[in-house]
Amino acid sequence: MDRKDISEGKHPMSTAQVFASIFLLVVVTTIGDYFLKLASQEIQPIQNKWFIAGCIVYALSALGWVFTLRSTKLATAGVAYSLGTILLLTALGIVVFGERLNRYEVAGIGCAILSIVLLACFNV
């Protein structure tokens, strides 16, 4: 398989597998973000176990991205990943950290959802 085949999404990974790997990346990244949020609440946010754990988890997500991007367009993966990350981090903030959303943030999330719908409709 040459470089052109890979860049055109001709790697043997189905669409369902691509979106499953993106979902897994969202979960892994959210775990990393959780650790970094914990680190940010410490007196020395960069010199603690949570910061190190967050960096390690982020490195794992980078490894996953390399393999996922072999099978899909960057724009498609980026939008799906961004939307998943927005939704999961929002849920994490509300449920775990007691954060609240204002109406502009809710509207922003609605726009993010609309973007994935538009991408799905016009990126066949």
N, C-alpha and C. Protein backbone atom coordinates (compact mmCIF):
# COMPACT_ATOMS: atom_id res chain seq x y z
N MET A 1 0.86 -1.18 0.00
CA MET A 1 0.00 0.00 0.00
C MET A 1 0.90 1.23 0.00
N ASP A 2 0.63 2.13 -0.93
CA ASP A 2 1.47 3.32 -0.99
C ASP A 2 0.87 4.47 -0.18
N ARG A 3 1.63 5.54 -0.08
CA ARG A 3 1.23 6.68 0.73
C ARG A 3 -0.08 7.28 0.24
N LYS A 4 -0.32 7.31 -1.06
CA LYS A 4 -1.55 7.87 -1.60
C LYS A 4 -2.77 7.07 -1.15
N ASP A 5 -2.64 5.73 -1.16
CA ASP A 5 -3.75 4.88 -0.72
C ASP A 5 -4.12 5.16 0.73
N ILE A 6 -3.12 5.31 1.58
CA ILE A 6 -3.38 5.57 2.99
C ILE A 6 -4.04 6.92 3.17
N SER A 7 -3.54 7.95 2.48
CA SER A 7 -4.10 9.29 2.65
C SER A 7 -5.52 9.40 2.11
N GLU A 8 -5.89 8.52 1.20
CA GLU A 8 -7.25 8.54 0.66
C GLU A 8 -8.19 7.64 1.46
N GLY A 9 -7.74 7.13 2.58
CA GLY A 9 -8.61 6.33 3.43
C GLY A 9 -8.78 4.89 2.95
N LYS A 10 -7.82 4.35 2.19
CA LYS A 10 -7.96 3.00 1.66
C LYS A 10 -7.29 1.96 2.55
N HIS A 11 -7.04 2.30 3.77
CA HIS A 11 -6.49 1.35 4.72
C HIS A 11 -7.62 0.42 5.16
N PRO A 12 -7.35 -0.85 5.41
CA PRO A 12 -8.41 -1.81 5.68
C PRO A 12 -9.08 -1.68 7.05
N MET A 13 -9.63 -0.52 7.35
CA MET A 13 -10.37 -0.33 8.59
C MET A 13 -11.75 0.18 8.21
N SER A 14 -12.78 -0.48 8.69
CA SER A 14 -14.14 -0.08 8.33
C SER A 14 -14.50 1.25 9.01
N THR A 15 -15.57 1.86 8.54
CA THR A 15 -16.03 3.11 9.15
C THR A 15 -16.40 2.89 10.60
N ALA A 16 -17.04 1.77 10.90
CA ALA A 16 -17.40 1.47 12.28
C ALA A 16 -16.16 1.33 13.15
N GLN A 17 -15.12 0.71 12.62
CA GLN A 17 -13.87 0.57 13.37
C GLN A 17 -13.19 1.93 13.59
N VAL A 18 -13.25 2.78 12.58
CA VAL A 18 -12.66 4.11 12.71
C VAL A 18 -13.38 4.88 13.82
N PHE A 19 -14.71 4.88 13.80
CA PHE A 19 -15.45 5.62 14.82
C PHE A 19 -15.30 4.97 16.19
N ALA A 20 -15.15 3.66 16.24
CA ALA A 20 -14.89 3.00 17.53
C ALA A 20 -13.53 3.41 18.07
N SER A 21 -12.53 3.51 17.20
CA SER A 21 -11.21 3.93 17.66
C SER A 21 -11.22 5.40 18.08
N ILE A 22 -11.99 6.23 17.38
CA ILE A 22 -12.12 7.64 17.77
C ILE A 22 -12.81 7.73 19.13
N PHE A 23 -13.84 6.93 19.34
CA PHE A 23 -14.52 6.91 20.64
C PHE A 23 -13.55 6.51 21.75
N LEU A 24 -12.74 5.49 21.49
CA LEU A 24 -11.74 5.07 22.48
C LEU A 24 -10.75 6.19 22.75
N LEU A 25 -10.33 6.90 21.71
CA LEU A 25 -9.43 8.04 21.89
C LEU A 25 -10.08 9.14 22.72
N VAL A 26 -11.35 9.36 22.51
CA VAL A 26 -12.08 10.36 23.31
C VAL A 26 -12.06 9.97 24.79
N VAL A 27 -12.32 8.70 25.06
CA VAL A 27 -12.33 8.22 26.45
C VAL A 27 -10.95 8.36 27.07
N VAL A 28 -9.91 7.94 26.34
CA VAL A 28 -8.55 8.02 26.85
C VAL A 28 -8.16 9.48 27.10
N THR A 29 -8.46 10.35 26.15
CA THR A 29 -8.13 11.77 26.31
C THR A 29 -8.88 12.38 27.49
N THR A 30 -10.13 12.00 27.67
CA THR A 30 -10.92 12.51 28.80
C THR A 30 -10.30 12.07 30.13
N ILE A 31 -9.81 10.86 30.18
CA ILE A 31 -9.12 10.40 31.38
C ILE A 31 -7.88 11.27 31.62
N GLY A 32 -7.13 11.55 30.56
CA GLY A 32 -5.97 12.43 30.68
C GLY A 32 -6.36 13.82 31.16
N ASP A 33 -7.46 14.35 30.62
CA ASP A 33 -7.94 15.66 31.04
C ASP A 33 -8.39 15.64 32.50
N TYR A 34 -8.98 14.55 32.92
CA TYR A 34 -9.38 14.41 34.32
C TYR A 34 -8.15 14.51 35.24
N PHE A 35 -7.09 13.79 34.87
CA PHE A 35 -5.86 13.86 35.66
C PHE A 35 -5.28 15.27 35.67
N LEU A 36 -5.32 15.95 34.51
CA LEU A 36 -4.79 17.31 34.46
C LEU A 36 -5.64 18.29 35.27
N LYS A 37 -6.95 18.07 35.31
CA LYS A 37 -7.81 18.91 36.15
C LYS A 37 -7.45 18.71 37.62
N LEU A 38 -7.22 17.45 38.01
CA LEU A 38 -6.79 17.19 39.38
C LEU A 38 -5.44 17.87 39.67
N ALA A 39 -4.54 17.81 38.69
CA ALA A 39 -3.23 18.45 38.86
C ALA A 39 -3.38 19.95 39.02
N SER A 40 -4.32 20.54 38.29
CA SER A 40 -4.50 21.99 38.34
C SER A 40 -5.00 22.47 39.70
N GLN A 41 -5.55 21.57 40.47
CA GLN A 41 -6.08 21.93 41.78
C GLN A 41 -5.04 21.78 42.89
N GLU A 42 -3.86 21.32 42.55
CA GLU A 42 -2.78 21.17 43.52
C GLU A 42 -2.00 22.48 43.66
N ILE A 43 -1.27 22.62 44.75
CA ILE A 43 -0.46 23.81 44.98
C ILE A 43 0.61 23.95 43.90
N GLN A 44 1.25 22.85 43.54
CA GLN A 44 2.23 22.84 42.46
C GLN A 44 1.67 21.96 41.33
N PRO A 45 0.95 22.55 40.40
CA PRO A 45 0.21 21.76 39.42
C PRO A 45 1.07 20.93 38.46
N ILE A 46 2.32 21.30 38.27
CA ILE A 46 3.15 20.54 37.32
C ILE A 46 4.02 19.52 38.04
N GLN A 47 4.19 19.66 39.29
CA GLN A 47 5.07 18.76 40.04
C GLN A 47 4.24 17.85 40.95
N ASN A 48 3.38 17.05 40.34
CA ASN A 48 2.61 16.09 41.13
C ASN A 48 2.24 14.89 40.28
N LYS A 49 1.76 13.86 40.94
CA LYS A 49 1.46 12.60 40.25
C LYS A 49 0.36 12.74 39.21
N TRP A 50 -0.60 13.64 39.42
CA TRP A 50 -1.71 13.80 38.47
C TRP A 50 -1.22 14.36 37.15
N PHE A 51 -0.30 15.30 37.21
CA PHE A 51 0.25 15.88 35.98
C PHE A 51 1.00 14.81 35.18
N ILE A 52 1.80 14.03 35.86
CA ILE A 52 2.56 12.97 35.18
C ILE A 52 1.60 11.94 34.58
N ALA A 53 0.57 11.55 35.33
CA ALA A 53 -0.41 10.59 34.82
C ALA A 53 -1.11 11.16 33.58
N GLY A 54 -1.49 12.44 33.62
CA GLY A 54 -2.13 13.07 32.47
C GLY A 54 -1.24 13.06 31.24
N CYS A 55 0.04 13.35 31.42
CA CYS A 55 0.99 13.34 30.30
C CYS A 55 1.13 11.94 29.70
N ILE A 56 1.19 10.94 30.55
CA ILE A 56 1.31 9.56 30.06
C ILE A 56 0.07 9.15 29.27
N VAL A 57 -1.09 9.49 29.80
CA VAL A 57 -2.33 9.15 29.10
C VAL A 57 -2.41 9.89 27.76
N TYR A 58 -2.01 11.16 27.73
CA TYR A 58 -1.99 11.91 26.48
C TYR A 58 -1.06 11.26 25.46
N ALA A 59 0.08 10.77 25.92
CA ALA A 59 1.02 10.10 25.01
C ALA A 59 0.37 8.85 24.41
N LEU A 60 -0.40 8.13 25.21
CA LEU A 60 -1.11 6.96 24.70
C LEU A 60 -2.14 7.35 23.64
N SER A 61 -2.81 8.48 23.86
CA SER A 61 -3.79 8.91 22.86
C SER A 61 -3.10 9.31 21.56
N ALA A 62 -1.92 9.90 21.65
CA ALA A 62 -1.18 10.25 20.43
C ALA A 62 -0.83 9.00 19.63
N LEU A 63 -0.46 7.95 20.32
CA LEU A 63 -0.17 6.68 19.65
C LEU A 63 -1.42 6.16 18.94
N GLY A 64 -2.55 6.23 19.61
CA GLY A 64 -3.80 5.81 18.98
C GLY A 64 -4.16 6.63 17.77
N TRP A 65 -3.89 7.94 17.82
CA TRP A 65 -4.18 8.82 16.69
C TRP A 65 -3.40 8.41 15.45
N VAL A 66 -2.15 8.02 15.62
CA VAL A 66 -1.33 7.64 14.47
C VAL A 66 -1.99 6.51 13.69
N PHE A 67 -2.51 5.53 14.40
CA PHE A 67 -3.13 4.40 13.72
C PHE A 67 -4.53 4.73 13.20
N THR A 68 -5.26 5.55 13.91
CA THR A 68 -6.60 5.94 13.46
C THR A 68 -6.54 6.78 12.19
N LEU A 69 -5.60 7.71 12.15
CA LEU A 69 -5.52 8.63 11.00
C LEU A 69 -5.04 7.96 9.73
N ARG A 70 -4.56 6.75 9.83
CA ARG A 70 -4.19 6.01 8.62
C ARG A 70 -5.42 5.63 7.81
N SER A 71 -6.58 5.61 8.47
CA SER A 71 -7.79 5.08 7.85
C SER A 71 -8.87 6.10 7.57
N THR A 72 -8.63 7.35 7.86
CA THR A 72 -9.69 8.34 7.68
C THR A 72 -9.10 9.71 7.41
N LYS A 73 -9.94 10.59 6.94
CA LYS A 73 -9.53 11.97 6.71
C LYS A 73 -9.35 12.68 8.05
N LEU A 74 -8.38 13.56 8.10
CA LEU A 74 -8.12 14.31 9.32
C LEU A 74 -9.33 15.14 9.72
N ALA A 75 -9.99 15.78 8.75
CA ALA A 75 -11.15 16.62 9.07
C ALA A 75 -12.28 15.80 9.68
N THR A 76 -12.55 14.66 9.10
CA THR A 76 -13.62 13.80 9.61
C THR A 76 -13.29 13.31 11.02
N ALA A 77 -12.09 12.81 11.20
CA ALA A 77 -11.69 12.32 12.52
C ALA A 77 -11.67 13.46 13.53
N GLY A 78 -11.18 14.61 13.10
CA GLY A 78 -11.08 15.75 14.00
C GLY A 78 -12.43 16.22 14.51
N VAL A 79 -13.41 16.30 13.62
CA VAL A 79 -14.74 16.75 14.04
C VAL A 79 -15.39 15.73 14.96
N ALA A 80 -15.31 14.45 14.61
CA ALA A 80 -15.91 13.41 15.46
C ALA A 80 -15.22 13.38 16.82
N TYR A 81 -13.91 13.49 16.82
CA TYR A 81 -13.15 13.49 18.07
C TYR A 81 -13.50 14.72 18.90
N SER A 82 -13.55 15.86 18.27
CA SER A 82 -13.85 17.10 19.00
C SER A 82 -15.24 17.05 19.63
N LEU A 83 -16.22 16.60 18.86
CA LEU A 83 -17.57 16.51 19.41
C LEU A 83 -17.63 15.54 20.57
N GLY A 84 -17.03 14.37 20.41
CA GLY A 84 -17.02 13.40 21.50
C GLY A 84 -16.33 13.95 22.74
N THR A 85 -15.23 14.64 22.53
CA THR A 85 -14.49 15.22 23.64
C THR A 85 -15.31 16.29 24.33
N ILE A 86 -15.97 17.14 23.55
CA ILE A 86 -16.81 18.19 24.13
C ILE A 86 -17.90 17.58 25.01
N LEU A 87 -18.58 16.58 24.49
CA LEU A 87 -19.68 15.98 25.24
C LEU A 87 -19.20 15.25 26.49
N LEU A 88 -18.12 14.49 26.35
CA LEU A 88 -17.64 13.73 27.51
C LEU A 88 -17.03 14.64 28.57
N LEU A 89 -16.27 15.66 28.14
CA LEU A 89 -15.70 16.59 29.12
C LEU A 89 -16.78 17.42 29.81
N THR A 90 -17.82 17.77 29.06
CA THR A 90 -18.93 18.51 29.67
C THR A 90 -19.59 17.65 30.74
N ALA A 91 -19.85 16.40 30.42
CA ALA A 91 -20.45 15.49 31.41
C ALA A 91 -19.54 15.32 32.61
N LEU A 92 -18.24 15.17 32.38
CA LEU A 92 -17.28 15.04 33.48
C LEU A 92 -17.28 16.28 34.37
N GLY A 93 -17.27 17.45 33.75
CA GLY A 93 -17.29 18.70 34.51
C GLY A 93 -18.54 18.84 35.37
N ILE A 94 -19.67 18.47 34.80
CA ILE A 94 -20.94 18.59 35.53
C ILE A 94 -21.04 17.55 36.64
N VAL A 95 -20.78 16.31 36.32
CA VAL A 95 -21.00 15.21 37.26
C VAL A 95 -19.91 15.14 38.33
N VAL A 96 -18.65 15.25 37.93
CA VAL A 96 -17.56 15.03 38.88
C VAL A 96 -17.13 16.32 39.58
N PHE A 97 -17.04 17.42 38.81
CA PHE A 97 -16.50 18.65 39.38
C PHE A 97 -17.57 19.68 39.74
N GLY A 98 -18.83 19.34 39.54
CA GLY A 98 -19.93 20.23 39.93
C GLY A 98 -20.01 21.52 39.15
N GLU A 99 -19.51 21.53 37.92
CA GLU A 99 -19.56 22.73 37.09
C GLU A 99 -20.96 22.88 36.48
N ARG A 100 -21.30 24.10 36.13
CA ARG A 100 -22.60 24.39 35.50
C ARG A 100 -22.37 25.05 34.15
N LEU A 101 -23.33 24.82 33.24
CA LEU A 101 -23.27 25.42 31.91
C LEU A 101 -24.19 26.63 31.83
N ASN A 102 -23.73 27.67 31.14
CA ASN A 102 -24.62 28.78 30.86
C ASN A 102 -25.25 28.56 29.48
N ARG A 103 -26.16 29.41 29.10
CA ARG A 103 -26.90 29.21 27.84
C ARG A 103 -26.00 29.30 26.62
N TYR A 104 -24.94 30.08 26.68
CA TYR A 104 -24.02 30.19 25.54
C TYR A 104 -23.22 28.91 25.37
N GLU A 105 -22.85 28.29 26.46
CA GLU A 105 -22.15 27.01 26.37
C GLU A 105 -23.06 25.91 25.83
N VAL A 106 -24.32 25.93 26.25
CA VAL A 106 -25.29 24.96 25.72
C VAL A 106 -25.48 25.18 24.22
N ALA A 107 -25.57 26.44 23.80
CA ALA A 107 -25.69 26.76 22.36
C ALA A 107 -24.45 26.29 21.61
N GLY A 108 -23.28 26.46 22.19
CA GLY A 108 -22.05 26.01 21.56
C GLY A 108 -22.03 24.51 21.37
N ILE A 109 -22.50 23.78 22.36
CA ILE A 109 -22.57 22.33 22.25
C ILE A 109 -23.56 21.94 21.16
N GLY A 110 -24.68 22.65 21.08
CA GLY A 110 -25.65 22.40 20.00
C GLY A 110 -25.02 22.62 18.63
N CYS A 111 -24.23 23.67 18.49
CA CYS A 111 -23.53 23.94 17.21
C CYS A 111 -22.53 22.84 16.90
N ALA A 112 -21.86 22.32 17.91
CA ALA A 112 -20.90 21.23 17.70
C ALA A 112 -21.62 19.98 17.18
N ILE A 113 -22.77 19.70 17.75
CA ILE A 113 -23.56 18.55 17.30
C ILE A 113 -24.03 18.77 15.87
N LEU A 114 -24.48 19.99 15.56
CA LEU A 114 -24.89 20.30 14.19
C LEU A 114 -23.73 20.12 13.21
N SER A 115 -22.52 20.47 13.62
CA SER A 115 -21.37 20.33 12.73
C SER A 115 -21.12 18.88 12.35
N ILE A 116 -21.29 17.96 13.29
CA ILE A 116 -21.07 16.55 12.97
C ILE A 116 -22.18 16.03 12.07
N VAL A 117 -23.40 16.53 12.25
CA VAL A 117 -24.50 16.14 11.37
C VAL A 117 -24.23 16.62 9.95
N LEU A 118 -23.79 17.87 9.81
CA LEU A 118 -23.48 18.41 8.48
C LEU A 118 -22.32 17.66 7.84
N LEU A 119 -21.32 17.34 8.61
CA LEU A 119 -20.19 16.59 8.09
C LEU A 119 -20.65 15.23 7.58
N ALA A 120 -21.49 14.57 8.35
CA ALA A 120 -21.98 13.25 7.96
C ALA A 120 -22.83 13.33 6.69
N CYS A 121 -23.61 14.41 6.54
CA CYS A 121 -24.47 14.55 5.38
C CYS A 121 -23.70 14.85 4.09
N PHE A 122 -22.65 15.64 4.18
CA PHE A 122 -21.98 16.12 2.98
C PHE A 122 -20.60 15.54 2.76
N ASN A 123 -20.17 14.61 3.58
CA ASN A 123 -18.84 14.02 3.44
C ASN A 123 -18.98 12.53 3.19
N VAL A 124 -19.69 12.20 2.15
CA VAL A 124 -19.95 10.80 1.82
C VAL A 124 -18.85 10.24 0.97
